[in-house]
Amino acid sequence: MITVTEDAISQMNTILEKNGDAVVRYELRGGGCGGLIADWKTENHHEPEQGEQTWSLSQGVFVVDEFTKDFIQGGIINYDLSNFLPAFRVTVPGKGSCGCGESFVT
């Protein structure tokens, strides 16, 4: 199970409303200082893909692809307002992350 906090959902809705898009997508891809780097993006249309996980938003949908879903299983997606620069944070028990906060150690 992946937990998406209310703060994260609220921020995703704000982003979609501001951009006029319908999809927030989070995926991990090769790169970064730890081996996998996070990629957040918005899209104007959602084409369902096999194995992905979605969450309904008031302004659209949040999507995590199958590879990312499997890697972050048991994790929490939050929007952290406590830092000087607010940002989405994904924490996964047992998975190391690097200092930049955007990369996972594989």
N, C-alpha and C. Protein backbone atom coordinates (compact mmCIF):
# COMPACT_ATOMS: atom_id res chain seq x y z
N MET A 1 0.83 -1.18 0.00
CA MET A 1 0.00 0.00 0.00
C MET A 1 0.88 1.25 0.00
N ILE A 2 0.50 2.22 -0.77
CA ILE A 2 1.16 3.53 -0.81
C ILE A 2 0.19 4.53 -0.21
N THR A 3 0.68 5.33 0.73
CA THR A 3 -0.15 6.34 1.37
C THR A 3 0.14 7.70 0.75
N VAL A 4 -0.90 8.39 0.35
CA VAL A 4 -0.79 9.76 -0.16
C VAL A 4 -1.51 10.65 0.84
N THR A 5 -0.77 11.58 1.45
CA THR A 5 -1.35 12.41 2.50
C THR A 5 -2.30 13.47 1.93
N GLU A 6 -3.14 14.00 2.81
CA GLU A 6 -4.07 15.07 2.42
C GLU A 6 -3.31 16.31 1.94
N ASP A 7 -2.15 16.61 2.57
CA ASP A 7 -1.35 17.76 2.13
C ASP A 7 -0.87 17.56 0.69
N ALA A 8 -0.46 16.33 0.35
CA ALA A 8 0.00 16.04 -1.01
C ALA A 8 -1.16 16.15 -1.99
N ILE A 9 -2.30 15.59 -1.65
CA ILE A 9 -3.47 15.66 -2.53
C ILE A 9 -3.90 17.11 -2.75
N SER A 10 -3.91 17.89 -1.69
CA SER A 10 -4.29 19.30 -1.80
C SER A 10 -3.34 20.05 -2.74
N GLN A 11 -2.04 19.80 -2.60
CA GLN A 11 -1.07 20.48 -3.46
C GLN A 11 -1.20 20.03 -4.91
N MET A 12 -1.47 18.74 -5.14
CA MET A 12 -1.67 18.25 -6.51
C MET A 12 -2.88 18.93 -7.15
N ASN A 13 -3.96 19.07 -6.39
CA ASN A 13 -5.14 19.76 -6.91
C ASN A 13 -4.82 21.21 -7.26
N THR A 14 -4.05 21.87 -6.42
CA THR A 14 -3.65 23.25 -6.68
C THR A 14 -2.83 23.34 -7.96
N ILE A 15 -1.89 22.43 -8.13
CA ILE A 15 -1.04 22.43 -9.32
C ILE A 15 -1.87 22.19 -10.58
N LEU A 16 -2.77 21.22 -10.53
CA LEU A 16 -3.61 20.94 -11.70
C LEU A 16 -4.49 22.13 -12.06
N GLU A 17 -5.06 22.75 -11.05
CA GLU A 17 -5.91 23.91 -11.29
C GLU A 17 -5.10 25.06 -11.91
N LYS A 18 -3.92 25.28 -11.38
CA LYS A 18 -3.07 26.37 -11.87
C LYS A 18 -2.61 26.11 -13.31
N ASN A 19 -2.23 24.86 -13.62
CA ASN A 19 -1.70 24.51 -14.94
C ASN A 19 -2.78 24.18 -15.97
N GLY A 20 -3.99 23.94 -15.51
CA GLY A 20 -5.05 23.55 -16.42
C GLY A 20 -4.88 22.13 -16.93
N ASP A 21 -4.17 21.29 -16.18
CA ASP A 21 -3.94 19.91 -16.56
C ASP A 21 -4.89 18.98 -15.80
N ALA A 22 -4.84 17.68 -16.15
CA ALA A 22 -5.74 16.70 -15.53
C ALA A 22 -5.01 15.58 -14.81
N VAL A 23 -3.67 15.52 -14.94
CA VAL A 23 -2.91 14.40 -14.40
C VAL A 23 -1.64 14.90 -13.71
N VAL A 24 -1.40 14.37 -12.51
CA VAL A 24 -0.08 14.49 -11.88
C VAL A 24 0.51 13.10 -11.95
N ARG A 25 1.74 13.00 -12.48
CA ARG A 25 2.39 11.70 -12.63
C ARG A 25 3.71 11.71 -11.85
N TYR A 26 3.94 10.63 -11.09
CA TYR A 26 5.19 10.43 -10.37
C TYR A 26 5.80 9.13 -10.86
N GLU A 27 7.06 9.20 -11.29
CA GLU A 27 7.73 7.98 -11.71
C GLU A 27 9.21 8.06 -11.38
N LEU A 28 9.79 6.89 -11.18
CA LEU A 28 11.22 6.77 -10.96
C LEU A 28 11.85 6.30 -12.25
N ARG A 29 13.02 6.85 -12.54
CA ARG A 29 13.76 6.42 -13.73
C ARG A 29 15.23 6.38 -13.37
N GLY A 30 16.03 5.72 -14.19
CA GLY A 30 17.45 5.61 -13.93
C GLY A 30 18.13 6.96 -13.92
N GLY A 31 19.05 7.13 -12.97
CA GLY A 31 19.81 8.38 -12.88
C GLY A 31 19.92 8.85 -11.45
N GLY A 32 20.38 10.06 -11.30
CA GLY A 32 20.53 10.63 -9.96
C GLY A 32 21.74 10.07 -9.26
N CYS A 33 22.03 10.59 -8.10
CA CYS A 33 23.22 10.17 -7.38
C CYS A 33 23.03 8.82 -6.69
N GLY A 34 21.78 8.33 -6.58
CA GLY A 34 21.54 7.06 -5.90
C GLY A 34 21.16 5.92 -6.82
N GLY A 35 20.93 6.19 -8.09
CA GLY A 35 20.57 5.13 -9.03
C GLY A 35 19.19 5.30 -9.64
N LEU A 36 18.24 5.87 -8.88
CA LEU A 36 16.90 6.16 -9.39
C LEU A 36 16.55 7.59 -9.01
N ILE A 37 16.04 8.33 -9.96
CA ILE A 37 15.66 9.71 -9.69
C ILE A 37 14.17 9.89 -9.93
N ALA A 38 13.55 10.71 -9.09
CA ALA A 38 12.12 10.96 -9.17
C ALA A 38 11.82 11.96 -10.28
N ASP A 39 10.72 11.74 -10.96
CA ASP A 39 10.26 12.65 -12.00
C ASP A 39 8.79 12.96 -11.73
N TRP A 40 8.50 14.21 -11.40
CA TRP A 40 7.14 14.69 -11.21
C TRP A 40 6.76 15.48 -12.44
N LYS A 41 5.57 15.25 -12.98
CA LYS A 41 5.13 16.06 -14.11
C LYS A 41 3.61 16.09 -14.16
N THR A 42 3.08 17.04 -14.92
CA THR A 42 1.65 17.09 -15.16
C THR A 42 1.40 16.82 -16.64
N GLU A 43 0.21 16.32 -16.91
CA GLU A 43 -0.20 16.00 -18.28
C GLU A 43 -1.65 16.45 -18.44
N ASN A 44 -2.04 16.72 -19.67
CA ASN A 44 -3.42 17.18 -19.87
C ASN A 44 -4.40 16.04 -20.10
N HIS A 45 -3.88 14.80 -20.27
CA HIS A 45 -4.76 13.65 -20.53
C HIS A 45 -4.14 12.39 -19.94
N HIS A 46 -4.99 11.52 -19.41
CA HIS A 46 -4.50 10.26 -18.83
C HIS A 46 -4.86 9.09 -19.73
N GLU A 47 -3.85 8.39 -20.20
CA GLU A 47 -4.02 7.14 -20.94
C GLU A 47 -3.65 6.02 -19.97
N PRO A 48 -4.61 5.27 -19.46
CA PRO A 48 -4.31 4.21 -18.50
C PRO A 48 -3.30 3.20 -19.04
N GLU A 49 -2.38 2.79 -18.16
CA GLU A 49 -1.37 1.79 -18.50
C GLU A 49 -1.52 0.61 -17.54
N GLN A 50 -1.20 -0.57 -18.01
CA GLN A 50 -1.32 -1.77 -17.19
C GLN A 50 -0.42 -1.67 -15.97
N GLY A 51 -0.96 -2.03 -14.81
CA GLY A 51 -0.19 -2.12 -13.59
C GLY A 51 -0.03 -0.83 -12.82
N GLU A 52 -0.45 0.31 -13.37
CA GLU A 52 -0.29 1.56 -12.65
C GLU A 52 -1.31 1.67 -11.52
N GLN A 53 -1.04 2.60 -10.61
CA GLN A 53 -1.97 2.87 -9.52
C GLN A 53 -2.40 4.32 -9.65
N THR A 54 -3.69 4.58 -9.43
CA THR A 54 -4.22 5.93 -9.53
C THR A 54 -4.98 6.32 -8.29
N TRP A 55 -5.01 7.61 -8.03
CA TRP A 55 -5.80 8.20 -6.95
C TRP A 55 -6.61 9.32 -7.58
N SER A 56 -7.89 9.36 -7.25
CA SER A 56 -8.74 10.44 -7.75
C SER A 56 -8.44 11.73 -7.01
N LEU A 57 -8.38 12.80 -7.78
CA LEU A 57 -8.21 14.14 -7.24
C LEU A 57 -9.43 14.95 -7.64
N SER A 58 -9.70 16.04 -6.95
CA SER A 58 -10.87 16.85 -7.32
C SER A 58 -10.66 17.48 -8.69
N GLN A 59 -9.41 17.68 -9.08
CA GLN A 59 -9.10 18.30 -10.37
C GLN A 59 -8.65 17.30 -11.43
N GLY A 60 -8.59 16.01 -11.10
CA GLY A 60 -8.10 15.02 -12.07
C GLY A 60 -7.69 13.73 -11.39
N VAL A 61 -6.44 13.28 -11.70
CA VAL A 61 -5.98 11.99 -11.20
C VAL A 61 -4.47 12.06 -10.92
N PHE A 62 -4.04 11.32 -9.89
CA PHE A 62 -2.62 11.15 -9.58
C PHE A 62 -2.25 9.74 -10.00
N VAL A 63 -1.14 9.61 -10.75
CA VAL A 63 -0.76 8.33 -11.35
C VAL A 63 0.67 7.95 -10.96
N VAL A 64 0.85 6.68 -10.59
CA VAL A 64 2.17 6.10 -10.34
C VAL A 64 2.27 4.87 -11.22
N ASP A 65 3.32 4.79 -12.06
CA ASP A 65 3.47 3.66 -12.96
C ASP A 65 3.82 2.38 -12.19
N GLU A 66 3.75 1.24 -12.87
CA GLU A 66 3.92 -0.06 -12.21
C GLU A 66 5.30 -0.23 -11.56
N PHE A 67 6.38 0.13 -12.25
CA PHE A 67 7.72 0.00 -11.69
C PHE A 67 7.86 0.82 -10.42
N THR A 68 7.42 2.07 -10.49
CA THR A 68 7.52 2.98 -9.34
C THR A 68 6.65 2.47 -8.20
N LYS A 69 5.46 2.03 -8.52
CA LYS A 69 4.52 1.49 -7.51
C LYS A 69 5.18 0.35 -6.74
N ASP A 70 5.79 -0.57 -7.47
CA ASP A 70 6.44 -1.71 -6.82
C ASP A 70 7.62 -1.26 -5.95
N PHE A 71 8.39 -0.28 -6.41
CA PHE A 71 9.57 0.17 -5.68
C PHE A 71 9.20 0.92 -4.40
N ILE A 72 8.14 1.72 -4.45
CA ILE A 72 7.80 2.54 -3.27
C ILE A 72 6.69 1.93 -2.42
N GLN A 73 6.38 0.65 -2.64
CA GLN A 73 5.34 -0.04 -1.86
C GLN A 73 5.60 0.14 -0.37
N GLY A 74 4.59 0.54 0.36
CA GLY A 74 4.72 0.78 1.79
C GLY A 74 5.17 2.19 2.13
N GLY A 75 5.36 3.00 1.10
CA GLY A 75 5.85 4.37 1.30
C GLY A 75 4.74 5.39 1.52
N ILE A 76 5.20 6.60 1.81
CA ILE A 76 4.30 7.73 2.06
C ILE A 76 4.69 8.86 1.13
N ILE A 77 3.69 9.41 0.43
CA ILE A 77 3.89 10.59 -0.41
C ILE A 77 3.25 11.75 0.33
N ASN A 78 4.06 12.76 0.62
CA ASN A 78 3.61 13.90 1.41
C ASN A 78 4.06 15.19 0.73
N TYR A 79 3.38 16.27 1.04
CA TYR A 79 3.85 17.59 0.64
C TYR A 79 4.30 18.27 1.92
N ASP A 80 5.60 18.47 2.04
CA ASP A 80 6.22 18.97 3.27
C ASP A 80 6.27 20.49 3.24
N LEU A 81 5.50 21.11 4.11
CA LEU A 81 5.45 22.56 4.21
C LEU A 81 6.39 23.11 5.28
N SER A 82 7.07 22.23 6.01
CA SER A 82 7.86 22.65 7.16
C SER A 82 9.24 23.20 6.79
N ASN A 83 9.69 22.95 5.58
CA ASN A 83 11.01 23.44 5.15
C ASN A 83 10.90 24.81 4.51
N PHE A 84 12.04 25.47 4.36
CA PHE A 84 12.10 26.76 3.69
C PHE A 84 11.53 26.67 2.27
N LEU A 85 11.84 25.57 1.58
CA LEU A 85 11.30 25.32 0.24
C LEU A 85 10.35 24.13 0.32
N PRO A 86 9.04 24.38 0.38
CA PRO A 86 8.10 23.26 0.42
C PRO A 86 8.27 22.36 -0.80
N ALA A 87 8.06 21.06 -0.61
CA ALA A 87 8.25 20.12 -1.71
C ALA A 87 7.55 18.81 -1.41
N PHE A 88 7.26 18.06 -2.48
CA PHE A 88 6.78 16.70 -2.31
C PHE A 88 7.92 15.85 -1.77
N ARG A 89 7.61 14.97 -0.82
CA ARG A 89 8.59 14.06 -0.24
C ARG A 89 8.02 12.65 -0.29
N VAL A 90 8.83 11.72 -0.77
CA VAL A 90 8.43 10.32 -0.79
C VAL A 90 9.39 9.57 0.12
N THR A 91 8.85 8.97 1.16
CA THR A 91 9.66 8.18 2.08
C THR A 91 9.20 6.73 2.01
N VAL A 92 10.19 5.84 1.95
CA VAL A 92 9.89 4.42 1.84
C VAL A 92 10.74 3.68 2.87
N PRO A 93 10.10 3.01 3.83
CA PRO A 93 10.86 2.26 4.83
C PRO A 93 11.80 1.25 4.16
N GLY A 94 13.05 1.23 4.61
CA GLY A 94 14.02 0.27 4.09
C GLY A 94 14.71 0.69 2.80
N LYS A 95 14.32 1.83 2.23
CA LYS A 95 14.94 2.32 1.00
C LYS A 95 15.71 3.59 1.34
N GLY A 96 16.99 3.60 0.98
CA GLY A 96 17.80 4.77 1.24
C GLY A 96 17.58 5.85 0.20
N SER A 97 17.72 7.09 0.61
CA SER A 97 17.65 8.20 -0.32
C SER A 97 18.89 9.04 -0.15
N CYS A 98 19.19 9.83 -1.15
CA CYS A 98 20.39 10.65 -1.08
C CYS A 98 20.06 12.01 -0.46
N GLY A 99 21.06 12.85 -0.34
CA GLY A 99 20.91 14.14 0.28
C GLY A 99 19.99 15.10 -0.45
N CYS A 100 19.86 14.94 -1.77
CA CYS A 100 19.03 15.88 -2.54
C CYS A 100 17.54 15.61 -2.32
N GLY A 101 17.19 14.43 -1.84
CA GLY A 101 15.79 14.10 -1.60
C GLY A 101 15.02 13.71 -2.84
N GLU A 102 15.66 13.68 -3.98
CA GLU A 102 15.00 13.33 -5.24
C GLU A 102 15.46 11.99 -5.79
N SER A 103 16.36 11.32 -5.10
CA SER A 103 16.96 10.10 -5.63
C SER A 103 16.90 8.99 -4.59
N PHE A 104 16.67 7.76 -5.06
CA PHE A 104 16.66 6.58 -4.20
C PHE A 104 17.91 5.75 -4.48
N VAL A 105 18.45 5.15 -3.45
CA VAL A 105 19.58 4.26 -3.59
C VAL A 105 19.04 2.90 -4.01
N THR A 106 19.58 2.36 -5.10
CA THR A 106 19.09 1.06 -5.58
C THR A 106 19.96 -0.06 -5.07
